[in-house]
């Protein structure tokens, strides 16, 4: 029998570091990832893997946005994982109008 698994501690993000990095995101995306700016997506509660992938694409120039390319450019993989985990931890709720 072969069992495969991921040791979660090896991939654990540093939420304190993620919160610190998130300060540069807050102006557009909101303090906890809920934006009030038209045309800017809310990122709270998005899956960590999705946020990480998008930031890496901005950093590496595979996805183009003048603001996001500049913000993501200096981020290391660890920085991206930490800030992605920070925003992913928040639960959001959709409300009907």
PDB file of N, CA and C in Angstrom:
ATOM      1  N   UNK A   1       0.843  -1.174   0.000  1.00  0.00           N
ATOM      2  CA  UNK A   1       0.000   0.000   0.000  1.00  0.00           C
ATOM      3  C   UNK A   1       0.893   1.242   0.000  1.00  0.00           C
ATOM      4  N   UNK A   2       0.610   2.152  -0.917  1.00  0.00           N
ATOM      5  CA  UNK A   2       1.355   3.411  -1.003  1.00  0.00           C
ATOM      6  C   UNK A   2       0.425   4.533  -0.568  1.00  0.00           C
ATOM      7  N   UNK A   3       0.938   5.358   0.336  1.00  0.00           N
ATOM      8  CA  UNK A   3       0.150   6.485   0.827  1.00  0.00           C
ATOM      9  C   UNK A   3       0.926   7.758   0.539  1.00  0.00           C
ATOM     10  N   UNK A   4       0.271   8.688  -0.092  1.00  0.00           N
ATOM     11  CA  UNK A   4       0.898   9.972  -0.386  1.00  0.00           C
ATOM     12  C   UNK A   4       0.211  11.046   0.437  1.00  0.00           C
ATOM     13  N   UNK A   5       0.970  11.989   0.884  1.00  0.00           N
ATOM     14  CA  UNK A   5       0.399  13.088   1.663  1.00  0.00           C
ATOM     15  C   UNK A   5       1.321  14.279   1.641  1.00  0.00           C
ATOM     16  N   UNK A   6       0.822  15.344   2.128  1.00  0.00           N
ATOM     17  CA  UNK A   6       1.619  16.569   2.228  1.00  0.00           C
ATOM     18  C   UNK A   6       1.775  16.900   3.699  1.00  0.00           C
ATOM     19  N   UNK A   7       2.984  17.136   4.095  1.00  0.00           N
ATOM     20  CA  UNK A   7       3.239  17.550   5.464  1.00  0.00           C
ATOM     21  C   UNK A   7       2.914  19.036   5.552  1.00  0.00           C
ATOM     22  N   UNK A   8       1.790  19.371   6.147  1.00  0.00           N
ATOM     23  CA  UNK A   8       1.297  20.749   6.109  1.00  0.00           C
ATOM     24  C   UNK A   8       2.229  21.741   6.782  1.00  0.00           C
ATOM     25  N   UNK A   9       2.959  21.314   7.769  1.00  0.00           N
ATOM     26  CA  UNK A   9       3.855  22.243   8.447  1.00  0.00           C
ATOM     27  C   UNK A   9       4.970  22.735   7.526  1.00  0.00           C
ATOM     28  N   UNK A  10       5.369  21.911   6.571  1.00  0.00           N
ATOM     29  CA  UNK A  10       6.416  22.317   5.632  1.00  0.00           C
ATOM     30  C   UNK A  10       5.939  23.449   4.737  1.00  0.00           C
ATOM     31  N   UNK A  11       4.636  23.548   4.538  1.00  0.00           N
ATOM     32  CA  UNK A  11       4.083  24.564   3.664  1.00  0.00           C
ATOM     33  C   UNK A  11       3.336  25.649   4.443  1.00  0.00           C
ATOM     34  N   UNK A  12       3.457  25.634   5.749  1.00  0.00           N
ATOM     35  CA  UNK A  12       2.723  26.597   6.569  1.00  0.00           C
ATOM     36  C   UNK A  12       3.205  28.012   6.285  1.00  0.00           C
ATOM     37  N   UNK A  13       2.243  28.897   6.108  1.00  0.00           N
ATOM     38  CA  UNK A  13       2.562  30.300   5.841  1.00  0.00           C
ATOM     39  C   UNK A  13       2.743  31.053   7.148  1.00  0.00           C
ATOM     40  N   UNK A  14       3.461  32.130   7.074  1.00  0.00           N
ATOM     41  CA  UNK A  14       3.680  33.017   8.217  1.00  0.00           C
ATOM     42  C   UNK A  14       2.658  34.155   8.098  1.00  0.00           C
ATOM     43  N   UNK A  15       1.568  34.052   8.851  1.00  0.00           N
ATOM     44  CA  UNK A  15       0.498  35.040   8.753  1.00  0.00           C
ATOM     45  C   UNK A  15       0.915  36.417   9.257  1.00  0.00           C
ATOM     46  N   UNK A  16       1.836  36.464  10.203  1.00  0.00           N
ATOM     47  CA  UNK A  16       2.321  37.763  10.684  1.00  0.00           C
ATOM     48  C   UNK A  16       3.067  38.476   9.554  1.00  0.00           C
ATOM     49  N   UNK A  17       3.908  37.740   8.850  1.00  0.00           N
ATOM     50  CA  UNK A  17       4.617  38.315   7.700  1.00  0.00           C
ATOM     51  C   UNK A  17       3.623  38.670   6.603  1.00  0.00           C
ATOM     52  N   UNK A  18       2.617  37.817   6.395  1.00  0.00           N
ATOM     53  CA  UNK A  18       1.598  38.083   5.389  1.00  0.00           C
ATOM     54  C   UNK A  18       0.818  39.353   5.684  1.00  0.00           C
ATOM     55  N   UNK A  19       0.499  39.568   6.947  1.00  0.00           N
ATOM     56  CA  UNK A  19      -0.211  40.793   7.336  1.00  0.00           C
ATOM     57  C   UNK A  19       0.640  42.026   7.050  1.00  0.00           C
ATOM     58  N   UNK A  20       1.921  41.933   7.332  1.00  0.00           N
ATOM     59  CA  UNK A  20       2.825  43.062   7.080  1.00  0.00           C
ATOM     60  C   UNK A  20       2.885  43.379   5.581  1.00  0.00           C
ATOM     61  N   UNK A  21       3.014  42.357   4.761  1.00  0.00           N
ATOM     62  CA  UNK A  21       3.062  42.546   3.307  1.00  0.00           C
ATOM     63  C   UNK A  21       1.730  43.097   2.797  1.00  0.00           C
ATOM     64  N   UNK A  22       0.643  42.686   3.421  1.00  0.00           N
ATOM     65  CA  UNK A  22      -0.691  43.097   2.967  1.00  0.00           C
ATOM     66  C   UNK A  22      -0.928  44.597   3.066  1.00  0.00           C
ATOM     67  N   UNK A  23      -0.113  45.294   3.829  1.00  0.00           N
ATOM     68  CA  UNK A  23      -0.289  46.742   3.965  1.00  0.00           C
ATOM     69  C   UNK A  23      -0.140  47.446   2.622  1.00  0.00           C
ATOM     70  N   UNK A  24       0.704  46.921   1.744  1.00  0.00           N
ATOM     71  CA  UNK A  24       0.852  47.536   0.420  1.00  0.00           C
ATOM     72  C   UNK A  24      -0.326  47.193  -0.497  1.00  0.00           C
ATOM     73  N   UNK A  25      -1.136  46.230  -0.111  1.00  0.00           N
ATOM     74  CA  UNK A  25      -2.306  45.825  -0.900  1.00  0.00           C
ATOM     75  C   UNK A  25      -3.566  46.579  -0.463  1.00  0.00           C
ATOM     76  N   UNK A  26      -3.537  47.061   0.780  1.00  0.00           N
ATOM     77  CA  UNK A  26      -4.744  47.598   1.410  1.00  0.00           C
ATOM     78  C   UNK A  26      -5.310  48.834   0.735  1.00  0.00           C
ATOM     79  N   UNK A  27      -4.486  49.664   0.159  1.00  0.00           N
ATOM     80  CA  UNK A  27      -4.978  50.892  -0.465  1.00  0.00           C
ATOM     81  C   UNK A  27      -6.014  50.576  -1.549  1.00  0.00           C
ATOM     82  N   UNK A  28      -5.749  49.560  -2.342  1.00  0.00           N
ATOM     83  CA  UNK A  28      -6.668  49.206  -3.428  1.00  0.00           C
ATOM     84  C   UNK A  28      -7.631  48.080  -3.055  1.00  0.00           C
ATOM     85  N   UNK A  29      -7.118  47.041  -2.401  1.00  0.00           N
ATOM     86  CA  UNK A  29      -7.926  45.854  -2.127  1.00  0.00           C
ATOM     87  C   UNK A  29      -8.611  45.891  -0.765  1.00  0.00           C
ATOM     88  N   UNK A  30      -8.330  46.889   0.054  1.00  0.00           N
ATOM     89  CA  UNK A  30      -8.930  46.984   1.380  1.00  0.00           C
ATOM     90  C   UNK A  30      -8.094  46.266   2.423  1.00  0.00           C
ATOM     91  N   UNK A  31      -8.224  46.713   3.680  1.00  0.00           N
ATOM     92  CA  UNK A  31      -7.401  46.180   4.768  1.00  0.00           C
ATOM     93  C   UNK A  31      -7.496  44.661   4.900  1.00  0.00           C
ATOM     94  N   UNK A  32      -8.688  44.123   4.733  1.00  0.00           N
ATOM     95  CA  UNK A  32      -8.876  42.677   4.857  1.00  0.00           C
ATOM     96  C   UNK A  32      -9.267  42.042   3.525  1.00  0.00           C
ATOM     97  N   UNK A  33      -8.965  42.766   2.423  1.00  0.00           N
ATOM     98  CA  UNK A  33      -9.203  42.214   1.104  1.00  0.00           C
ATOM     99  C   UNK A  33     -10.578  42.492   0.533  1.00  0.00           C
ATOM    100  N   UNK A  34     -11.348  43.359   1.185  1.00  0.00           N
ATOM    101  CA  UNK A  34     -12.661  43.763   0.668  1.00  0.00           C
ATOM    102  C   UNK A  34     -12.506  45.178   0.132  1.00  0.00           C
ATOM    103  N   UNK A  35     -12.567  45.326  -1.162  1.00  0.00           N
ATOM    104  CA  UNK A  35     -12.307  46.619  -1.791  1.00  0.00           C
ATOM    105  C   UNK A  35     -13.549  47.500  -1.844  1.00  0.00           C
ATOM    106  N   UNK A  36     -13.312  48.788  -1.924  1.00  0.00           N
ATOM    107  CA  UNK A  36     -14.404  49.736  -2.171  1.00  0.00           C
ATOM    108  C   UNK A  36     -14.121  50.516  -3.451  1.00  0.00           C
ATOM    109  N   UNK A  37     -13.051  50.117  -4.157  1.00  0.00           N
ATOM    110  CA  UNK A  37     -12.668  50.786  -5.399  1.00  0.00           C
ATOM    111  C   UNK A  37     -13.278  50.069  -6.599  1.00  0.00           C
ATOM    112  N   UNK A  38     -13.993  50.818  -7.410  1.00  0.00           N
ATOM    113  CA  UNK A  38     -14.569  50.243  -8.633  1.00  0.00           C
ATOM    114  C   UNK A  38     -13.447  49.702  -9.521  1.00  0.00           C
ATOM    115  N   UNK A  39     -13.665  48.535 -10.081  1.00  0.00           N
ATOM    116  CA  UNK A  39     -12.688  47.940 -10.985  1.00  0.00           C
ATOM    117  C   UNK A  39     -11.564  47.188 -10.297  1.00  0.00           C
ATOM    118  N   UNK A  40     -11.559  47.180  -8.982  1.00  0.00           N
ATOM    119  CA  UNK A  40     -10.534  46.459  -8.216  1.00  0.00           C
ATOM    120  C   UNK A  40     -11.208  45.287  -7.516  1.00  0.00           C
ATOM    121  N   UNK A  41     -10.715  44.077  -7.719  1.00  0.00           N
ATOM    122  CA  UNK A  41     -11.382  42.921  -7.121  1.00  0.00           C
ATOM    123  C   UNK A  41     -11.136  42.801  -5.621  1.00  0.00           C
ATOM    124  N   UNK A  42     -12.143  42.316  -4.925  1.00  0.00           N
ATOM    125  CA  UNK A  42     -11.963  41.910  -3.531  1.00  0.00           C
ATOM    126  C   UNK A  42     -11.244  40.563  -3.569  1.00  0.00           C
ATOM    127  N   UNK A  43     -10.283  40.407  -2.689  1.00  0.00           N
ATOM    128  CA  UNK A  43      -9.496  39.173  -2.689  1.00  0.00           C
ATOM    129  C   UNK A  43      -9.647  38.364  -1.407  1.00  0.00           C
ATOM    130  N   UNK A  44     -10.387  38.886  -0.446  1.00  0.00           N
ATOM    131  CA  UNK A  44     -10.621  38.151   0.796  1.00  0.00           C
ATOM    132  C   UNK A  44     -11.321  36.837   0.506  1.00  0.00           C
ATOM    133  N   UNK A  45     -10.845  35.785   1.135  1.00  0.00           N
ATOM    134  CA  UNK A  45     -11.489  34.488   1.016  1.00  0.00           C
ATOM    135  C   UNK A  45     -11.217  33.739  -0.273  1.00  0.00           C
ATOM    136  N   UNK A  46     -10.437  34.332  -1.165  1.00  0.00           N
ATOM    137  CA  UNK A  46     -10.064  33.604  -2.379  1.00  0.00           C
ATOM    138  C   UNK A  46      -9.113  32.470  -1.978  1.00  0.00           C
ATOM    139  N   UNK A  47      -9.132  31.367  -2.701  1.00  0.00           N
ATOM    140  CA  UNK A  47      -8.227  30.262  -2.357  1.00  0.00           C
ATOM    141  C   UNK A  47      -6.762  30.704  -2.390  1.00  0.00           C
ATOM    142  N   UNK A  48      -6.033  30.267  -1.410  1.00  0.00           N
ATOM    143  CA  UNK A  48      -4.619  30.626  -1.276  1.00  0.00           C
ATOM    144  C   UNK A  48      -3.832  30.291  -2.542  1.00  0.00           C
ATOM    145  N   UNK A  49      -4.089  29.121  -3.113  1.00  0.00           N
ATOM    146  CA  UNK A  49      -3.355  28.694  -4.306  1.00  0.00           C
ATOM    147  C   UNK A  49      -3.665  29.619  -5.485  1.00  0.00           C
ATOM    148  N   UNK A  50      -4.901  30.099  -5.580  1.00  0.00           N
ATOM    149  CA  UNK A  50      -5.279  31.028  -6.645  1.00  0.00           C
ATOM    150  C   UNK A  50      -4.562  32.364  -6.471  1.00  0.00           C
ATOM    151  N   UNK A  51      -4.611  32.924  -5.262  1.00  0.00           N
ATOM    152  CA  UNK A  51      -3.950  34.208  -5.010  1.00  0.00           C
ATOM    153  C   UNK A  51      -2.450  34.118  -5.280  1.00  0.00           C
ATOM    154  N   UNK A  52      -1.852  33.045  -4.818  1.00  0.00           N
ATOM    155  CA  UNK A  52      -0.420  32.838  -5.020  1.00  0.00           C
ATOM    156  C   UNK A  52      -0.077  32.757  -6.507  1.00  0.00           C
ATOM    157  N   UNK A  53      -0.866  32.018  -7.239  1.00  0.00           N
ATOM    158  CA  UNK A  53      -0.641  31.866  -8.679  1.00  0.00           C
ATOM    159  C   UNK A  53      -0.744  33.215  -9.394  1.00  0.00           C
ATOM    160  N   UNK A  54      -1.764  33.991  -9.063  1.00  0.00           N
ATOM    161  CA  UNK A  54      -1.958  35.280  -9.714  1.00  0.00           C
ATOM    162  C   UNK A  54      -0.811  36.239  -9.404  1.00  0.00           C
ATOM    163  N   UNK A  55      -0.396  36.295  -8.142  1.00  0.00           N
ATOM    164  CA  UNK A  55       0.721  37.178  -7.770  1.00  0.00           C
ATOM    165  C   UNK A  55       2.014  36.777  -8.471  1.00  0.00           C
ATOM    166  N   UNK A  56       2.265  35.487  -8.574  1.00  0.00           N
ATOM    167  CA  UNK A  56       3.474  35.028  -9.269  1.00  0.00           C
ATOM    168  C   UNK A  56       3.424  35.390 -10.742  1.00  0.00           C
ATOM    169  N   UNK A  57       2.238  35.302 -11.350  1.00  0.00           N
ATOM    170  CA  UNK A  57       2.096  35.682 -12.752  1.00  0.00           C
ATOM    171  C   UNK A  57       2.325  37.182 -12.951  1.00  0.00           C
ATOM    172  N   UNK A  58       1.841  37.999 -12.015  1.00  0.00           N
ATOM    173  CA  UNK A  58       2.110  39.439 -12.084  1.00  0.00           C
ATOM    174  C   UNK A  58       3.606  39.697 -11.906  1.00  0.00           C
ATOM    175  N   UNK A  59       4.201  39.056 -10.922  1.00  0.00           N
ATOM    176  CA  UNK A  59       5.628  39.244 -10.648  1.00  0.00           C
ATOM    177  C   UNK A  59       6.489  38.860 -11.834  1.00  0.00           C
ATOM    178  N   UNK A  60       6.150  37.740 -12.470  1.00  0.00           N
ATOM    179  CA  UNK A  60       6.960  37.199 -13.563  1.00  0.00           C
ATOM    180  C   UNK A  60       6.604  37.786 -14.929  1.00  0.00           C
ATOM    181  N   UNK A  61       5.628  38.708 -14.966  1.00  0.00           N
ATOM    182  CA  UNK A  61       5.248  39.363 -16.208  1.00  0.00           C
ATOM    183  C   UNK A  61       4.356  38.535 -17.119  1.00  0.00           C
ATOM    184  N   UNK A  62       3.869  37.405 -16.638  1.00  0.00           N
ATOM    185  CA  UNK A  62       2.971  36.570 -17.438  1.00  0.00           C
ATOM    186  C   UNK A  62       1.561  37.146 -17.467  1.00  0.00           C
ATOM    187  N   UNK A  63       1.241  37.937 -16.484  1.00  0.00           N
ATOM    188  CA  UNK A  63      -0.038  38.644 -16.424  1.00  0.00           C
ATOM    189  C   UNK A  63       0.299  40.125 -16.308  1.00  0.00           C
ATOM    190  N   UNK A  64      -0.374  40.949 -17.097  1.00  0.00           N
ATOM    191  CA  UNK A  64      -0.019  42.362 -17.178  1.00  0.00           C
ATOM    192  C   UNK A  64      -1.036  43.281 -16.503  1.00  0.00           C
ATOM    193  N   UNK A  65      -0.526  44.098 -15.613  1.00  0.00           N
ATOM    194  CA  UNK A  65      -1.254  45.197 -14.995  1.00  0.00           C
ATOM    195  C   UNK A  65      -0.173  46.112 -14.437  1.00  0.00           C
ATOM    196  N   UNK A  66      -0.139  47.352 -14.877  1.00  0.00           N
ATOM    197  CA  UNK A  66       0.960  48.256 -14.520  1.00  0.00           C
ATOM    198  C   UNK A  66       1.185  48.347 -13.012  1.00  0.00           C
ATOM    199  N   UNK A  67       0.109  48.459 -12.256  1.00  0.00           N
ATOM    200  CA  UNK A  67       0.239  48.584 -10.797  1.00  0.00           C
ATOM    201  C   UNK A  67       0.672  47.262 -10.180  1.00  0.00           C
ATOM    202  N   UNK A  68      -0.032  46.181 -10.520  1.00  0.00           N
ATOM    203  CA  UNK A  68       0.264  44.893  -9.894  1.00  0.00           C
ATOM    204  C   UNK A  68       1.641  44.356 -10.275  1.00  0.00           C
ATOM    205  N   UNK A  69       2.094  44.603 -11.487  1.00  0.00           N
ATOM    206  CA  UNK A  69       3.427  44.150 -11.881  1.00  0.00           C
ATOM    207  C   UNK A  69       4.491  44.801 -11.008  1.00  0.00           C
ATOM    208  N   UNK A  70       4.326  46.086 -10.724  1.00  0.00           N
ATOM    209  CA  UNK A  70       5.303  46.801  -9.888  1.00  0.00           C
ATOM    210  C   UNK A  70       5.246  46.343  -8.433  1.00  0.00           C
ATOM    211  N   UNK A  71       4.049  46.126  -7.918  1.00  0.00           N
ATOM    212  CA  UNK A  71       3.897  45.707  -6.526  1.00  0.00           C
ATOM    213  C   UNK A  71       4.428  44.291  -6.326  1.00  0.00           C
ATOM    214  N   UNK A  72       4.168  43.404  -7.266  1.00  0.00           N
ATOM    215  CA  UNK A  72       4.559  42.000  -7.122  1.00  0.00           C
ATOM    216  C   UNK A  72       6.021  41.745  -7.439  1.00  0.00           C
ATOM    217  N   UNK A  73       6.635  42.606  -8.229  1.00  0.00           N
ATOM    218  CA  UNK A  73       8.004  42.371  -8.709  1.00  0.00           C
ATOM    219  C   UNK A  73       9.018  42.046  -7.596  1.00  0.00           C
ATOM    220  N   UNK A  74       9.035  42.780  -6.482  1.00  0.00           N
ATOM    221  CA  UNK A  74      10.047  42.480  -5.464  1.00  0.00           C
ATOM    222  C   UNK A  74       9.693  41.325  -4.522  1.00  0.00           C
ATOM    223  N   UNK A  75       8.515  40.727  -4.669  1.00  0.00           N
ATOM    224  CA  UNK A  75       8.080  39.687  -3.733  1.00  0.00           C
ATOM    225  C   UNK A  75       8.743  38.346  -4.020  1.00  0.00           C
ATOM    226  N   UNK A  76       9.228  37.712  -2.967  1.00  0.00           N
ATOM    227  CA  UNK A  76       9.775  36.362  -3.076  1.00  0.00           C
ATOM    228  C   UNK A  76       8.617  35.363  -3.071  1.00  0.00           C
ATOM    229  N   UNK A  77       8.912  34.108  -3.373  1.00  0.00           N
ATOM    230  CA  UNK A  77       7.877  33.072  -3.292  1.00  0.00           C
ATOM    231  C   UNK A  77       7.310  33.007  -1.877  1.00  0.00           C
ATOM    232  N   UNK A  78       8.164  33.107  -0.867  1.00  0.00           N
ATOM    233  CA  UNK A  78       7.702  33.067   0.526  1.00  0.00           C
ATOM    234  C   UNK A  78       6.790  34.258   0.823  1.00  0.00           C
ATOM    235  N   UNK A  79       7.163  35.450   0.363  1.00  0.00           N
ATOM    236  CA  UNK A  79       6.314  36.636   0.552  1.00  0.00           C
ATOM    237  C   UNK A  79       4.940  36.401  -0.059  1.00  0.00           C
ATOM    238  N   UNK A  80       4.916  35.886  -1.272  1.00  0.00           N
ATOM    239  CA  UNK A  80       3.661  35.636  -1.975  1.00  0.00           C
ATOM    240  C   UNK A  80       2.821  34.604  -1.245  1.00  0.00           C
ATOM    241  N   UNK A  81       3.445  33.538  -0.782  1.00  0.00           N
ATOM    242  CA  UNK A  81       2.713  32.514  -0.034  1.00  0.00           C
ATOM    243  C   UNK A  81       2.145  33.085   1.258  1.00  0.00           C
ATOM    244  N   UNK A  82       2.915  33.917   1.930  1.00  0.00           N
ATOM    245  CA  UNK A  82       2.461  34.502   3.198  1.00  0.00           C
ATOM    246  C   UNK A  82       1.301  35.461   3.007  1.00  0.00           C
ATOM    247  N   UNK A  83       1.388  36.355   2.034  1.00  0.00           N
ATOM    248  CA  UNK A  83       0.312  37.328   1.825  1.00  0.00           C
ATOM    249  C   UNK A  83      -0.920  36.637   1.245  1.00  0.00           C
ATOM    250  N   UNK A  84      -0.730  35.608   0.452  1.00  0.00           N
ATOM    251  CA  UNK A  84      -1.866  34.851  -0.080  1.00  0.00           C
ATOM    252  C   UNK A  84      -2.613  34.152   1.059  1.00  0.00           C
ATOM    253  N   UNK A  85      -1.874  33.575   1.982  1.00  0.00           N
ATOM    254  CA  UNK A  85      -2.497  32.923   3.142  1.00  0.00           C
ATOM    255  C   UNK A  85      -3.231  33.949   4.008  1.00  0.00           C
ATOM    256  N   UNK A  86      -2.665  35.147   4.143  1.00  0.00           N
ATOM    257  CA  UNK A  86      -3.298  36.210   4.937  1.00  0.00           C
ATOM    258  C   UNK A  86      -4.686  36.529   4.378  1.00  0.00           C
ATOM    259  N   UNK A  87      -4.780  36.786   3.080  1.00  0.00           N
ATOM    260  CA  UNK A  87      -6.070  37.151   2.502  1.00  0.00           C
ATOM    261  C   UNK A  87      -7.020  35.955   2.387  1.00  0.00           C
ATOM    262  N   UNK A  88      -6.489  34.758   2.185  1.00  0.00           N
ATOM    263  CA  UNK A  88      -7.323  33.567   2.040  1.00  0.00           C
ATOM    264  C   UNK A  88      -8.042  33.198   3.336  1.00  0.00           C
ATOM    265  N   UNK A  89      -7.499  33.601   4.464  1.00  0.00           N
ATOM    266  CA  UNK A  89      -8.066  33.191   5.752  1.00  0.00           C
ATOM    267  C   UNK A  89      -9.408  33.848   6.063  1.00  0.00           C
ATOM    268  N   UNK A  90      -9.730  34.937   5.388  1.00  0.00           N
ATOM    269  CA  UNK A  90     -10.957  35.658   5.700  1.00  0.00           C
ATOM    270  C   UNK A  90     -12.150  35.043   4.983  1.00  0.00           C
ATOM    271  N   UNK A  91     -13.221  34.848   5.717  1.00  0.00           N
ATOM    272  CA  UNK A  91     -14.437  34.307   5.136  1.00  0.00           C
ATOM    273  C   UNK A  91     -15.297  35.466   4.643  1.00  0.00           C
ATOM    274  N   UNK A  92     -15.927  35.257   3.512  1.00  0.00           N
ATOM    275  CA  UNK A  92     -16.817  36.274   2.968  1.00  0.00           C
ATOM    276  C   UNK A  92     -18.191  35.654   2.778  1.00  0.00           C
ATOM    277  N   UNK A  93     -19.176  36.511   2.723  1.00  0.00           N
ATOM    278  CA  UNK A  93     -20.534  36.063   2.558  1.00  0.00           C
ATOM    279  C   UNK A  93     -21.214  36.911   1.488  1.00  0.00           C
ATOM    280  N   UNK A  94     -21.860  36.259   0.564  1.00  0.00           N
ATOM    281  CA  UNK A  94     -22.619  36.969  -0.449  1.00  0.00           C
ATOM    282  C   UNK A  94     -24.013  37.254   0.080  1.00  0.00           C
ATOM    283  N   UNK A  95     -24.463  38.457  -0.125  1.00  0.00           N
ATOM    284  CA  UNK A  95     -25.810  38.819   0.321  1.00  0.00           C
ATOM    285  C   UNK A  95     -26.654  39.210  -0.860  1.00  0.00           C
ATOM    286  N   UNK A  96     -27.888  38.789  -0.833  1.00  0.00           N
ATOM    287  CA  UNK A  96     -28.813  39.183  -1.893  1.00  0.00           C
ATOM    288  C   UNK A  96     -29.289  40.593  -1.634  1.00  0.00           C
ATOM    289  N   UNK A  97     -29.525  41.313  -2.693  1.00  0.00           N
ATOM    290  CA  UNK A  97     -30.020  42.688  -2.560  1.00  0.00           C
ATOM    291  C   UNK A  97     -31.517  42.695  -2.659  1.00  0.00           C
TER     292      UNK A  97
END
